[in-house]
Amino acid sequence: MAASRNGQPRAIRDRLDPDDYRRLLAAARGGYCKKALAAEYEISRRSIYRLLAG
């Protein structure tokens, strides 16, 4: 995760625009390729799976 100014990791939700976050979740839940989503949103596939689990 990217660190904030105080050295603490920033949550994916904090790094994405709310609309992008909703689109990402909808696409991932809709079966879109996780690898392609990770590349498009510049996050890891693991992060996508964590978002889906949470």
PDB file of N, CA and C in Angstrom:
ATOM      1  N   MET A   1       0.834  -1.192   0.000  1.00  0.00           N
ATOM      2  CA  MET A   1       0.000   0.000   0.000  1.00  0.00           C
ATOM      3  C   MET A   1       0.872   1.246   0.000  1.00  0.00           C
ATOM      4  N   ALA A   2       0.359   2.280  -0.564  1.00  0.00           N
ATOM      5  CA  ALA A   2       1.073   3.541  -0.548  1.00  0.00           C
ATOM      6  C   ALA A   2       0.990   4.151   0.841  1.00  0.00           C
ATOM      7  N   ALA A   3       2.072   4.743   1.267  1.00  0.00           N
ATOM      8  CA  ALA A   3       2.091   5.352   2.597  1.00  0.00           C
ATOM      9  C   ALA A   3       1.636   6.807   2.523  1.00  0.00           C
ATOM     10  N   SER A   4       0.991   7.234   3.570  1.00  0.00           N
ATOM     11  CA  SER A   4       0.587   8.630   3.663  1.00  0.00           C
ATOM     12  C   SER A   4       1.742   9.438   4.261  1.00  0.00           C
ATOM     13  N   ARG A   5       1.517  10.689   4.498  1.00  0.00           N
ATOM     14  CA  ARG A   5       2.570  11.543   5.045  1.00  0.00           C
ATOM     15  C   ARG A   5       3.071  11.070   6.399  1.00  0.00           C
ATOM     16  N   ASN A   6       2.184  10.494   7.199  1.00  0.00           N
ATOM     17  CA  ASN A   6       2.602  10.046   8.534  1.00  0.00           C
ATOM     18  C   ASN A   6       3.167   8.630   8.509  1.00  0.00           C
ATOM     19  N   GLY A   7       3.370   8.065   7.328  1.00  0.00           N
ATOM     20  CA  GLY A   7       3.969   6.758   7.204  1.00  0.00           C
ATOM     21  C   GLY A   7       2.995   5.598   7.307  1.00  0.00           C
ATOM     22  N   GLN A   8       1.746   5.865   7.558  1.00  0.00           N
ATOM     23  CA  GLN A   8       0.740   4.817   7.665  1.00  0.00           C
ATOM     24  C   GLN A   8       0.211   4.459   6.277  1.00  0.00           C
ATOM     25  N   PRO A   9      -0.099   3.179   6.051  1.00  0.00           N
ATOM     26  CA  PRO A   9      -0.656   2.788   4.746  1.00  0.00           C
ATOM     27  C   PRO A   9      -2.017   3.437   4.508  1.00  0.00           C
ATOM     28  N   ARG A  10      -2.292   3.726   3.256  1.00  0.00           N
ATOM     29  CA  ARG A  10      -3.581   4.308   2.890  1.00  0.00           C
ATOM     30  C   ARG A  10      -4.462   3.223   2.318  1.00  0.00           C
ATOM     31  N   ALA A  11      -5.709   3.226   2.710  1.00  0.00           N
ATOM     32  CA  ALA A  11      -6.670   2.251   2.219  1.00  0.00           C
ATOM     33  C   ALA A  11      -6.960   2.498   0.743  1.00  0.00           C
ATOM     34  N   ILE A  12      -7.284   1.420   0.036  1.00  0.00           N
ATOM     35  CA  ILE A  12      -7.626   1.531  -1.383  1.00  0.00           C
ATOM     36  C   ILE A  12      -8.788   2.511  -1.554  1.00  0.00           C
ATOM     37  N   ARG A  13      -9.776   2.420  -0.683  1.00  0.00           N
ATOM     38  CA  ARG A  13     -10.936   3.317  -0.779  1.00  0.00           C
ATOM     39  C   ARG A  13     -10.534   4.774  -0.695  1.00  0.00           C
ATOM     40  N   ASP A  14      -9.480   5.061   0.058  1.00  0.00           N
ATOM     41  CA  ASP A  14      -9.013   6.442   0.195  1.00  0.00           C
ATOM     42  C   ASP A  14      -8.230   6.903  -1.029  1.00  0.00           C
ATOM     43  N   ARG A  15      -7.665   5.944  -1.768  1.00  0.00           N
ATOM     44  CA  ARG A  15      -6.863   6.306  -2.935  1.00  0.00           C
ATOM     45  C   ARG A  15      -7.685   6.424  -4.201  1.00  0.00           C
ATOM     46  N   LEU A  16      -8.878   5.864  -4.224  1.00  0.00           N
ATOM     47  CA  LEU A  16      -9.726   5.913  -5.412  1.00  0.00           C
ATOM     48  C   LEU A  16     -10.845   6.924  -5.229  1.00  0.00           C
ATOM     49  N   ASP A  17     -11.187   7.576  -6.304  1.00  0.00           N
ATOM     50  CA  ASP A  17     -12.348   8.454  -6.334  1.00  0.00           C
ATOM     51  C   ASP A  17     -13.582   7.586  -6.027  1.00  0.00           C
ATOM     52  N   PRO A  18     -14.579   8.103  -5.300  1.00  0.00           N
ATOM     53  CA  PRO A  18     -15.757   7.281  -4.971  1.00  0.00           C
ATOM     54  C   PRO A  18     -16.435   6.658  -6.196  1.00  0.00           C
ATOM     55  N   ASP A  19     -16.506   7.383  -7.295  1.00  0.00           N
ATOM     56  CA  ASP A  19     -17.111   6.831  -8.513  1.00  0.00           C
ATOM     57  C   ASP A  19     -16.253   5.703  -9.085  1.00  0.00           C
ATOM     58  N   ASP A  20     -14.941   5.894  -9.076  1.00  0.00           N
ATOM     59  CA  ASP A  20     -14.032   4.843  -9.548  1.00  0.00           C
ATOM     60  C   ASP A  20     -14.151   3.612  -8.661  1.00  0.00           C
ATOM     61  N   TYR A  21     -14.251   3.820  -7.377  1.00  0.00           N
ATOM     62  CA  TYR A  21     -14.390   2.711  -6.434  1.00  0.00           C
ATOM     63  C   TYR A  21     -15.651   1.904  -6.736  1.00  0.00           C
ATOM     64  N   ARG A  22     -16.761   2.582  -6.966  1.00  0.00           N
ATOM     65  CA  ARG A  22     -18.024   1.897  -7.284  1.00  0.00           C
ATOM     66  C   ARG A  22     -17.930   1.157  -8.617  1.00  0.00           C
ATOM     67  N   ARG A  23     -17.328   1.797  -9.620  1.00  0.00           N
ATOM     68  CA  ARG A  23     -17.168   1.149 -10.927  1.00  0.00           C
ATOM     69  C   ARG A  23     -16.264  -0.081 -10.831  1.00  0.00           C
ATOM     70  N   LEU A  24     -15.197   0.034 -10.062  1.00  0.00           N
ATOM     71  CA  LEU A  24     -14.288  -1.089  -9.872  1.00  0.00           C
ATOM     72  C   LEU A  24     -15.007  -2.269  -9.238  1.00  0.00           C
ATOM     73  N   LEU A  25     -15.747  -2.027  -8.170  1.00  0.00           N
ATOM     74  CA  LEU A  25     -16.472  -3.113  -7.513  1.00  0.00           C
ATOM     75  C   LEU A  25     -17.527  -3.718  -8.421  1.00  0.00           C
ATOM     76  N   ALA A  26     -18.252  -2.889  -9.136  1.00  0.00           N
ATOM     77  CA  ALA A  26     -19.293  -3.397 -10.033  1.00  0.00           C
ATOM     78  C   ALA A  26     -18.680  -4.265 -11.132  1.00  0.00           C
ATOM     79  N   ALA A  27     -17.574  -3.815 -11.703  1.00  0.00           N
ATOM     80  CA  ALA A  27     -16.919  -4.582 -12.761  1.00  0.00           C
ATOM     81  C   ALA A  27     -16.368  -5.904 -12.213  1.00  0.00           C
ATOM     82  N   ALA A  28     -15.753  -5.852 -11.043  1.00  0.00           N
ATOM     83  CA  ALA A  28     -15.182  -7.071 -10.453  1.00  0.00           C
ATOM     84  C   ALA A  28     -16.281  -8.069 -10.105  1.00  0.00           C
ATOM     85  N   ARG A  29     -17.371  -7.583  -9.558  1.00  0.00           N
ATOM     86  CA  ARG A  29     -18.494  -8.463  -9.217  1.00  0.00           C
ATOM     87  C   ARG A  29     -19.195  -8.979 -10.465  1.00  0.00           C
ATOM     88  N   GLY A  30     -19.111  -8.214 -11.543  1.00  0.00           N
ATOM     89  CA  GLY A  30     -19.744  -8.601 -12.799  1.00  0.00           C
ATOM     90  C   GLY A  30     -18.924  -9.573 -13.624  1.00  0.00           C
ATOM     91  N   GLY A  31     -17.768  -9.968 -13.119  1.00  0.00           N
ATOM     92  CA  GLY A  31     -16.976 -10.970 -13.805  1.00  0.00           C
ATOM     93  C   GLY A  31     -15.877 -10.430 -14.702  1.00  0.00           C
ATOM     94  N   TYR A  32     -15.665  -9.123 -14.695  1.00  0.00           N
ATOM     95  CA  TYR A  32     -14.608  -8.545 -15.516  1.00  0.00           C
ATOM     96  C   TYR A  32     -13.254  -9.065 -15.034  1.00  0.00           C
ATOM     97  N   CYS A  33     -12.304  -9.199 -15.908  1.00  0.00           N
ATOM     98  CA  CYS A  33     -10.976  -9.733 -15.616  1.00  0.00           C
ATOM     99  C   CYS A  33     -10.278  -8.907 -14.520  1.00  0.00           C
ATOM    100  N   LYS A  34      -9.945  -9.574 -13.424  1.00  0.00           N
ATOM    101  CA  LYS A  34      -9.316  -8.885 -12.279  1.00  0.00           C
ATOM    102  C   LYS A  34      -7.944  -8.328 -12.646  1.00  0.00           C
ATOM    103  N   LYS A  35      -7.225  -9.051 -13.498  1.00  0.00           N
ATOM    104  CA  LYS A  35      -5.906  -8.584 -13.913  1.00  0.00           C
ATOM    105  C   LYS A  35      -6.027  -7.270 -14.694  1.00  0.00           C
ATOM    106  N   ALA A  36      -7.006  -7.186 -15.573  1.00  0.00           N
ATOM    107  CA  ALA A  36      -7.224  -5.973 -16.362  1.00  0.00           C
ATOM    108  C   ALA A  36      -7.667  -4.820 -15.463  1.00  0.00           C
ATOM    109  N   LEU A  37      -8.526  -5.110 -14.502  1.00  0.00           N
ATOM    110  CA  LEU A  37      -8.966  -4.069 -13.563  1.00  0.00           C
ATOM    111  C   LEU A  37      -7.797  -3.546 -12.738  1.00  0.00           C
ATOM    112  N   ALA A  38      -6.950  -4.465 -12.284  1.00  0.00           N
ATOM    113  CA  ALA A  38      -5.789  -4.065 -11.492  1.00  0.00           C
ATOM    114  C   ALA A  38      -4.889  -3.131 -12.292  1.00  0.00           C
ATOM    115  N   ALA A  39      -4.679  -3.452 -13.548  1.00  0.00           N
ATOM    116  CA  ALA A  39      -3.846  -2.600 -14.396  1.00  0.00           C
ATOM    117  C   ALA A  39      -4.508  -1.244 -14.633  1.00  0.00           C
ATOM    118  N   GLU A  40      -5.805  -1.258 -14.885  1.00  0.00           N
ATOM    119  CA  GLU A  40      -6.524  -0.012 -15.164  1.00  0.00           C
ATOM    120  C   GLU A  40      -6.527   0.935 -13.968  1.00  0.00           C
ATOM    121  N   TYR A  41      -6.716   0.395 -12.769  1.00  0.00           N
ATOM    122  CA  TYR A  41      -6.809   1.226 -11.566  1.00  0.00           C
ATOM    123  C   TYR A  41      -5.491   1.329 -10.810  1.00  0.00           C
ATOM    124  N   GLU A  42      -4.449   0.714 -11.360  1.00  0.00           N
ATOM    125  CA  GLU A  42      -3.102   0.765 -10.787  1.00  0.00           C
ATOM    126  C   GLU A  42      -3.064   0.277  -9.339  1.00  0.00           C
ATOM    127  N   ILE A  43      -3.711  -0.862  -9.115  1.00  0.00           N
ATOM    128  CA  ILE A  43      -3.691  -1.525  -7.818  1.00  0.00           C
ATOM    129  C   ILE A  43      -3.405  -3.003  -8.070  1.00  0.00           C
ATOM    130  N   SER A  44      -3.173  -3.746  -7.027  1.00  0.00           N
ATOM    131  CA  SER A  44      -2.888  -5.169  -7.201  1.00  0.00           C
ATOM    132  C   SER A  44      -4.179  -5.981  -7.290  1.00  0.00           C
ATOM    133  N   ARG A  45      -4.047  -7.176  -7.880  1.00  0.00           N
ATOM    134  CA  ARG A  45      -5.204  -8.078  -7.903  1.00  0.00           C
ATOM    135  C   ARG A  45      -5.589  -8.460  -6.486  1.00  0.00           C
ATOM    136  N   ARG A  46      -4.619  -8.608  -5.627  1.00  0.00           N
ATOM    137  CA  ARG A  46      -4.890  -8.931  -4.231  1.00  0.00           C
ATOM    138  C   ARG A  46      -5.781  -7.861  -3.594  1.00  0.00           C
ATOM    139  N   SER A  47      -5.514  -6.604  -3.901  1.00  0.00           N
ATOM    140  CA  SER A  47      -6.344  -5.516  -3.374  1.00  0.00           C
ATOM    141  C   SER A  47      -7.786  -5.640  -3.849  1.00  0.00           C
ATOM    142  N   ILE A  48      -7.963  -6.028  -5.089  1.00  0.00           N
ATOM    143  CA  ILE A  48      -9.314  -6.197  -5.623  1.00  0.00           C
ATOM    144  C   ILE A  48     -10.040  -7.304  -4.867  1.00  0.00           C
ATOM    145  N   TYR A  49      -9.361  -8.419  -4.649  1.00  0.00           N
ATOM    146  CA  TYR A  49      -9.979  -9.515  -3.904  1.00  0.00           C
ATOM    147  C   TYR A  49     -10.282  -9.121  -2.465  1.00  0.00           C
ATOM    148  N   ARG A  50      -9.438  -8.302  -1.857  1.00  0.00           N
ATOM    149  CA  ARG A  50      -9.717  -7.825  -0.496  1.00  0.00           C
ATOM    150  C   ARG A  50     -10.940  -6.923  -0.472  1.00  0.00           C
ATOM    151  N   LEU A  51     -11.075  -6.078  -1.488  1.00  0.00           N
ATOM    152  CA  LEU A  51     -12.256  -5.213  -1.563  1.00  0.00           C
ATOM    153  C   LEU A  51     -13.531  -6.044  -1.730  1.00  0.00           C
ATOM    154  N   LEU A  52     -13.449  -7.072  -2.538  1.00  0.00           N
ATOM    155  CA  LEU A  52     -14.615  -7.929  -2.757  1.00  0.00           C
ATOM    156  C   LEU A  52     -14.986  -8.707  -1.493  1.00  0.00           C
ATOM    157  N   ALA A  53     -14.004  -9.066  -0.705  1.00  0.00           N
ATOM    158  CA  ALA A  53     -14.261  -9.831   0.512  1.00  0.00           C
ATOM    159  C   ALA A  53     -14.824  -8.962   1.629  1.00  0.00           C
ATOM    160  N   GLY A  54     -14.530  -7.664   1.576  1.00  0.00           N
ATOM    161  CA  GLY A  54     -14.917  -6.775   2.667  1.00  0.00           C
ATOM    162  C   GLY A  54     -16.192  -6.143   2.507  1.00  0.00           C
TER     163      GLY A  54
END
